[in-house]
N, C-alpha and C. Protein backbone atom coordinates (compact mmCIF):
# COMPACT_ATOMS: atom_id res chain seq x y z
N UNK A 1 0.84 -1.13 -0.03
CA UNK A 1 -0.02 -0.03 0.03
C UNK A 1 0.88 1.28 0.03
N UNK A 2 0.58 2.16 -0.90
CA UNK A 2 1.32 3.42 -0.96
C UNK A 2 0.95 4.30 0.24
N UNK A 3 1.88 5.24 0.57
CA UNK A 3 1.63 6.09 1.74
C UNK A 3 0.33 6.91 1.53
N UNK A 4 0.10 7.37 0.34
CA UNK A 4 -1.06 8.25 0.06
C UNK A 4 -2.33 7.43 0.18
N UNK A 5 -2.28 6.09 -0.11
CA UNK A 5 -3.42 5.29 0.05
C UNK A 5 -3.70 5.08 1.59
N UNK A 6 -2.65 4.90 2.32
CA UNK A 6 -2.83 4.67 3.80
C UNK A 6 -3.47 5.96 4.40
N UNK A 7 -2.92 7.10 3.93
CA UNK A 7 -3.51 8.33 4.46
C UNK A 7 -4.96 8.49 4.11
N UNK A 8 -5.35 8.22 2.89
CA UNK A 8 -6.80 8.31 2.47
C UNK A 8 -7.53 7.36 3.16
N UNK A 9 -7.12 6.04 3.41
CA UNK A 9 -7.86 5.11 4.14
C UNK A 9 -8.09 5.58 5.62
N UNK A 10 -7.05 6.16 6.28
CA UNK A 10 -7.15 6.69 7.55
C UNK A 10 -8.14 7.84 7.66
N UNK A 11 -8.10 8.73 6.67
CA UNK A 11 -9.03 9.85 6.59
C UNK A 11 -10.52 9.29 6.42
N UNK A 12 -10.68 8.43 5.47
CA UNK A 12 -12.06 7.83 5.27
C UNK A 12 -12.53 7.11 6.56
N UNK A 13 -11.64 6.34 7.14
CA UNK A 13 -12.03 5.63 8.39
C UNK A 13 -12.43 6.59 9.45
N UNK A 14 -11.67 7.70 9.63
CA UNK A 14 -11.95 8.72 10.63
C UNK A 14 -13.21 9.38 10.31
N UNK A 15 -13.53 9.77 9.16
CA UNK A 15 -14.81 10.38 8.73
C UNK A 15 -16.00 9.45 9.02
N UNK A 16 -15.83 8.15 8.65
CA UNK A 16 -16.88 7.18 8.77
C UNK A 16 -17.16 6.99 10.34
N UNK A 17 -16.01 6.85 11.12
CA UNK A 17 -16.13 6.67 12.57
C UNK A 17 -16.97 7.85 13.21
N UNK A 18 -16.60 9.07 12.83
CA UNK A 18 -17.30 10.12 13.41
C UNK A 18 -18.75 10.29 13.06
N UNK A 19 -19.03 9.98 11.79
CA UNK A 19 -20.43 9.99 11.29
C UNK A 19 -21.26 8.89 12.03
N UNK A 20 -20.72 7.65 12.21
CA UNK A 20 -21.37 6.66 12.86
C UNK A 20 -21.58 7.01 14.38
N UNK A 21 -20.63 7.74 14.96
CA UNK A 21 -20.64 8.19 16.39
C UNK A 21 -21.87 9.15 16.51
N UNK A 22 -21.94 10.04 15.56
CA UNK A 22 -23.22 11.01 15.49
C UNK A 22 -24.46 10.30 15.42
N UNK A 23 -24.46 9.30 14.60
CA UNK A 23 -25.74 8.53 14.36
C UNK A 23 -26.06 7.88 15.61
N UNK A 24 -25.13 7.17 16.41
CA UNK A 24 -25.41 6.62 17.68
C UNK A 24 -25.97 7.63 18.63
N UNK A 25 -25.36 8.83 18.66
CA UNK A 25 -25.92 9.85 19.59
C UNK A 25 -27.29 10.19 19.25
N UNK A 26 -27.65 10.10 18.02
CA UNK A 26 -28.99 10.57 17.58
C UNK A 26 -29.98 9.34 17.77
N UNK A 27 -29.51 8.30 18.31
CA UNK A 27 -30.41 7.26 18.62
C UNK A 27 -30.54 6.19 17.53
N UNK A 28 -29.75 6.17 16.51
CA UNK A 28 -29.83 5.10 15.49
C UNK A 28 -29.38 3.81 15.89
N UNK A 29 -28.56 3.72 16.82
CA UNK A 29 -28.01 2.51 17.26
C UNK A 29 -26.60 2.26 16.82
N UNK A 30 -25.86 1.34 17.45
CA UNK A 30 -24.46 1.19 17.04
C UNK A 30 -24.39 0.47 15.71
N UNK A 31 -23.46 0.99 14.81
CA UNK A 31 -23.21 0.38 13.56
C UNK A 31 -21.69 0.17 13.49
N UNK A 32 -21.30 -1.05 13.23
CA UNK A 32 -19.90 -1.32 13.15
C UNK A 32 -19.47 -1.12 11.66
N UNK A 33 -18.17 -0.93 11.56
CA UNK A 33 -17.59 -0.68 10.18
C UNK A 33 -17.91 -1.89 9.27
N UNK A 34 -17.73 -3.02 9.89
CA UNK A 34 -18.04 -4.33 9.25
C UNK A 34 -19.39 -4.40 8.74
N UNK A 35 -20.40 -3.80 9.46
CA UNK A 35 -21.79 -3.78 9.00
C UNK A 35 -21.92 -2.94 7.75
N UNK A 36 -21.08 -1.91 7.61
CA UNK A 36 -21.00 -1.06 6.40
C UNK A 36 -20.53 -1.92 5.19
N UNK A 37 -19.61 -2.86 5.51
CA UNK A 37 -19.06 -3.68 4.37
C UNK A 37 -20.23 -4.67 3.88
N UNK A 38 -21.03 -5.15 4.84
CA UNK A 38 -22.06 -6.02 4.36
C UNK A 38 -23.13 -5.18 3.54
N UNK A 39 -23.45 -4.00 4.02
CA UNK A 39 -24.36 -3.12 3.36
C UNK A 39 -23.82 -2.83 1.95
N UNK A 40 -22.63 -2.54 1.84
CA UNK A 40 -21.97 -2.22 0.48
C UNK A 40 -22.12 -3.50 -0.38
N UNK A 41 -21.78 -4.70 0.17
CA UNK A 41 -21.87 -5.86 -0.64
C UNK A 41 -23.38 -6.07 -1.14
N UNK A 42 -24.30 -5.93 -0.22
CA UNK A 42 -25.75 -6.00 -0.61
C UNK A 42 -26.11 -5.03 -1.78
N UNK A 43 -25.65 -3.79 -1.57
CA UNK A 43 -26.13 -2.77 -2.53
C UNK A 43 -25.47 -3.12 -4.00
N UNK A 44 -24.24 -3.49 -4.01
CA UNK A 44 -23.74 -3.74 -5.35
C UNK A 44 -24.23 -5.10 -5.93
N UNK A 45 -24.70 -6.02 -5.13
CA UNK A 45 -25.34 -7.22 -5.62
C UNK A 45 -26.64 -6.85 -6.17
N UNK A 46 -27.40 -6.03 -5.55
CA UNK A 46 -28.72 -5.46 -5.95
C UNK A 46 -28.56 -4.78 -7.28
N UNK A 47 -27.38 -4.11 -7.48
CA UNK A 47 -27.14 -3.33 -8.82
C UNK A 47 -26.95 -4.35 -9.87
N UNK A 48 -26.76 -5.58 -9.65
CA UNK A 48 -26.54 -6.61 -10.64
C UNK A 48 -25.07 -6.87 -10.95
N UNK A 49 -24.22 -6.47 -9.94
CA UNK A 49 -22.75 -6.68 -10.31
C UNK A 49 -22.46 -8.27 -10.15
N UNK A 50 -21.74 -8.82 -11.11
CA UNK A 50 -21.48 -10.15 -11.11
C UNK A 50 -20.64 -10.55 -9.84
N UNK A 51 -20.78 -11.78 -9.41
CA UNK A 51 -20.11 -12.26 -8.09
C UNK A 51 -18.71 -12.19 -8.16
N UNK A 52 -18.02 -12.33 -9.37
CA UNK A 52 -16.56 -12.22 -9.50
C UNK A 52 -16.13 -10.82 -9.12
N UNK A 53 -16.89 -9.79 -9.62
CA UNK A 53 -16.51 -8.43 -9.34
C UNK A 53 -16.77 -8.08 -7.92
N UNK A 54 -17.87 -8.65 -7.35
CA UNK A 54 -18.14 -8.43 -5.93
C UNK A 54 -17.04 -8.91 -5.07
N UNK A 55 -16.66 -10.15 -5.46
CA UNK A 55 -15.47 -10.86 -4.72
C UNK A 55 -14.15 -9.95 -4.85
N UNK A 56 -13.99 -9.50 -5.99
CA UNK A 56 -12.76 -8.68 -6.19
C UNK A 56 -12.89 -7.33 -5.32
N UNK A 57 -14.09 -6.73 -5.36
CA UNK A 57 -14.30 -5.46 -4.61
C UNK A 57 -14.15 -5.62 -3.14
N UNK A 58 -14.59 -6.89 -2.70
CA UNK A 58 -14.44 -7.10 -1.23
C UNK A 58 -13.07 -7.71 -0.80
N UNK A 59 -12.21 -7.94 -1.85
CA UNK A 59 -10.91 -8.37 -1.64
C UNK A 59 -10.92 -9.82 -0.92
N UNK A 60 -11.88 -10.61 -1.45
CA UNK A 60 -11.93 -12.01 -0.98
C UNK A 60 -10.83 -12.79 -1.65
N UNK A 61 -10.14 -13.70 -1.00
CA UNK A 61 -9.11 -14.51 -1.69
C UNK A 61 -9.69 -15.42 -2.72
N UNK A 62 -10.85 -15.84 -2.58
CA UNK A 62 -11.47 -16.89 -3.38
C UNK A 62 -13.06 -16.51 -3.57
N UNK A 63 -13.52 -16.40 -4.88
CA UNK A 63 -14.97 -16.14 -5.08
C UNK A 63 -15.88 -17.05 -4.22
N UNK A 64 -15.51 -18.21 -3.93
CA UNK A 64 -16.38 -19.06 -3.11
C UNK A 64 -16.60 -18.51 -1.75
N UNK A 65 -15.65 -17.78 -1.19
CA UNK A 65 -15.95 -17.04 0.08
C UNK A 65 -17.20 -16.14 -0.22
N UNK A 66 -17.13 -15.44 -1.26
CA UNK A 66 -18.28 -14.36 -1.56
C UNK A 66 -19.55 -15.17 -1.73
N UNK A 67 -19.49 -16.28 -2.48
CA UNK A 67 -20.75 -17.03 -2.76
C UNK A 67 -21.29 -17.61 -1.47
N UNK A 68 -20.43 -18.18 -0.58
CA UNK A 68 -20.97 -18.73 0.71
C UNK A 68 -21.57 -17.60 1.61
N UNK A 69 -20.97 -16.40 1.49
CA UNK A 69 -21.39 -15.35 2.33
C UNK A 69 -22.67 -14.62 1.75
N UNK A 70 -22.72 -14.34 0.53
CA UNK A 70 -23.60 -13.44 -0.11
C UNK A 70 -24.48 -14.22 -1.23
N UNK A 71 -24.27 -15.39 -1.48
CA UNK A 71 -24.97 -16.13 -2.54
C UNK A 71 -26.49 -16.01 -2.46
N UNK A 72 -26.95 -16.08 -1.21
CA UNK A 72 -28.48 -16.02 -1.00
C UNK A 72 -29.09 -14.64 -1.42
N UNK A 73 -28.28 -13.69 -1.64
CA UNK A 73 -28.70 -12.42 -2.08
C UNK A 73 -28.94 -12.28 -3.60
N UNK A 74 -28.40 -13.29 -4.33
CA UNK A 74 -28.67 -13.23 -5.80
C UNK A 74 -29.95 -14.01 -6.10
N UNK A 75 -30.88 -13.25 -6.66
CA UNK A 75 -32.30 -13.81 -6.87
C UNK A 75 -32.15 -15.01 -7.92
N UNK A 76 -33.21 -15.85 -7.73
CA UNK A 76 -33.35 -16.97 -8.61
C UNK A 76 -33.87 -16.47 -9.93
N UNK A 77 -32.93 -16.59 -10.96
CA UNK A 77 -33.36 -16.11 -12.26
C UNK A 77 -33.68 -17.15 -13.25
N UNK A 78 -33.97 -18.34 -12.84
CA UNK A 78 -34.24 -19.41 -13.72
C UNK A 78 -35.45 -19.07 -14.62
N UNK A 79 -36.47 -18.54 -14.00
CA UNK A 79 -37.73 -18.18 -14.85
C UNK A 79 -37.46 -17.17 -15.83
N UNK A 80 -36.64 -16.14 -15.49
CA UNK A 80 -36.30 -15.06 -16.36
C UNK A 80 -35.48 -15.63 -17.55
N UNK A 81 -34.57 -16.52 -17.26
CA UNK A 81 -33.74 -17.10 -18.28
C UNK A 81 -34.52 -17.96 -19.28
N UNK A 82 -35.43 -18.81 -18.78
CA UNK A 82 -36.31 -19.58 -19.68
C UNK A 82 -37.06 -18.77 -20.50
N UNK A 83 -37.71 -17.66 -19.92
CA UNK A 83 -38.52 -16.72 -20.69
C UNK A 83 -37.73 -16.12 -21.85
N UNK A 84 -36.57 -15.63 -21.50
CA UNK A 84 -35.67 -15.01 -22.49
C UNK A 84 -35.33 -15.87 -23.59
N UNK A 85 -34.93 -17.13 -23.21
CA UNK A 85 -34.55 -18.17 -24.26
C UNK A 85 -35.68 -18.42 -25.16
N UNK A 86 -36.94 -18.60 -24.66
CA UNK A 86 -38.11 -18.83 -25.45
C UNK A 86 -38.33 -17.64 -26.45
N UNK A 87 -38.11 -16.42 -25.92
CA UNK A 87 -38.27 -15.25 -26.84
C UNK A 87 -37.32 -15.23 -27.88
N UNK A 88 -36.02 -15.69 -27.64
CA UNK A 88 -35.00 -15.77 -28.70
C UNK A 88 -35.36 -16.82 -29.68
N UNK A 89 -35.78 -17.99 -29.13
CA UNK A 89 -36.02 -18.96 -30.06
C UNK A 89 -37.23 -18.76 -31.00
N UNK A 90 -38.32 -18.08 -30.41
CA UNK A 90 -39.42 -17.71 -31.23
C UNK A 90 -39.17 -16.45 -32.19
N UNK A 91 -38.15 -15.85 -32.01
CA UNK A 91 -37.81 -14.68 -32.81
C UNK A 91 -38.31 -13.40 -32.33
N UNK A 92 -38.86 -13.39 -31.05
CA UNK A 92 -39.45 -12.26 -30.43
C UNK A 92 -38.45 -11.29 -29.99
N UNK A 93 -37.21 -11.74 -29.85
CA UNK A 93 -36.26 -10.93 -29.23
C UNK A 93 -34.76 -11.25 -29.84
N UNK A 94 -33.95 -10.28 -29.77
CA UNK A 94 -32.54 -10.53 -30.34
C UNK A 94 -31.70 -11.12 -29.19
N UNK A 95 -30.80 -12.03 -29.57
CA UNK A 95 -29.94 -12.55 -28.61
C UNK A 95 -28.97 -11.43 -28.08
N UNK A 96 -28.51 -11.67 -26.88
CA UNK A 96 -27.52 -10.63 -26.45
C UNK A 96 -26.28 -10.69 -27.18
N UNK A 97 -25.67 -9.49 -27.35
CA UNK A 97 -24.43 -9.37 -28.18
C UNK A 97 -23.13 -9.58 -27.25
C-alpha cells in the first residue's frame, strides 16, 4: 500500500467513525464498520454486479467465500432465463451481443 493510500484510508475511516458516532448519539444504534461492508456488498449485488466483481471489490481470496457469504442475495433467475430463451427461439427478441 502506498503512503497516500494509507492516508486516504485513515481519513475515510476517521470520517466514517465520526459519522457513525453522531448516528449513535442521535439514537440510530451502534453500527460497526463491518456492518457497512455487508451493506456495501448487498447494494452492489442489488445493482446486478457479477459475483466475481463483488469478490474482487471485497478483496476475498476466493470467489467461493463471496458465494458462501452473499450467494443467498442473488435472486433466482431461472424463470427469467427460460422466458428470455423462449423469446429468442421464437424470434421475438434479439440474442444478447
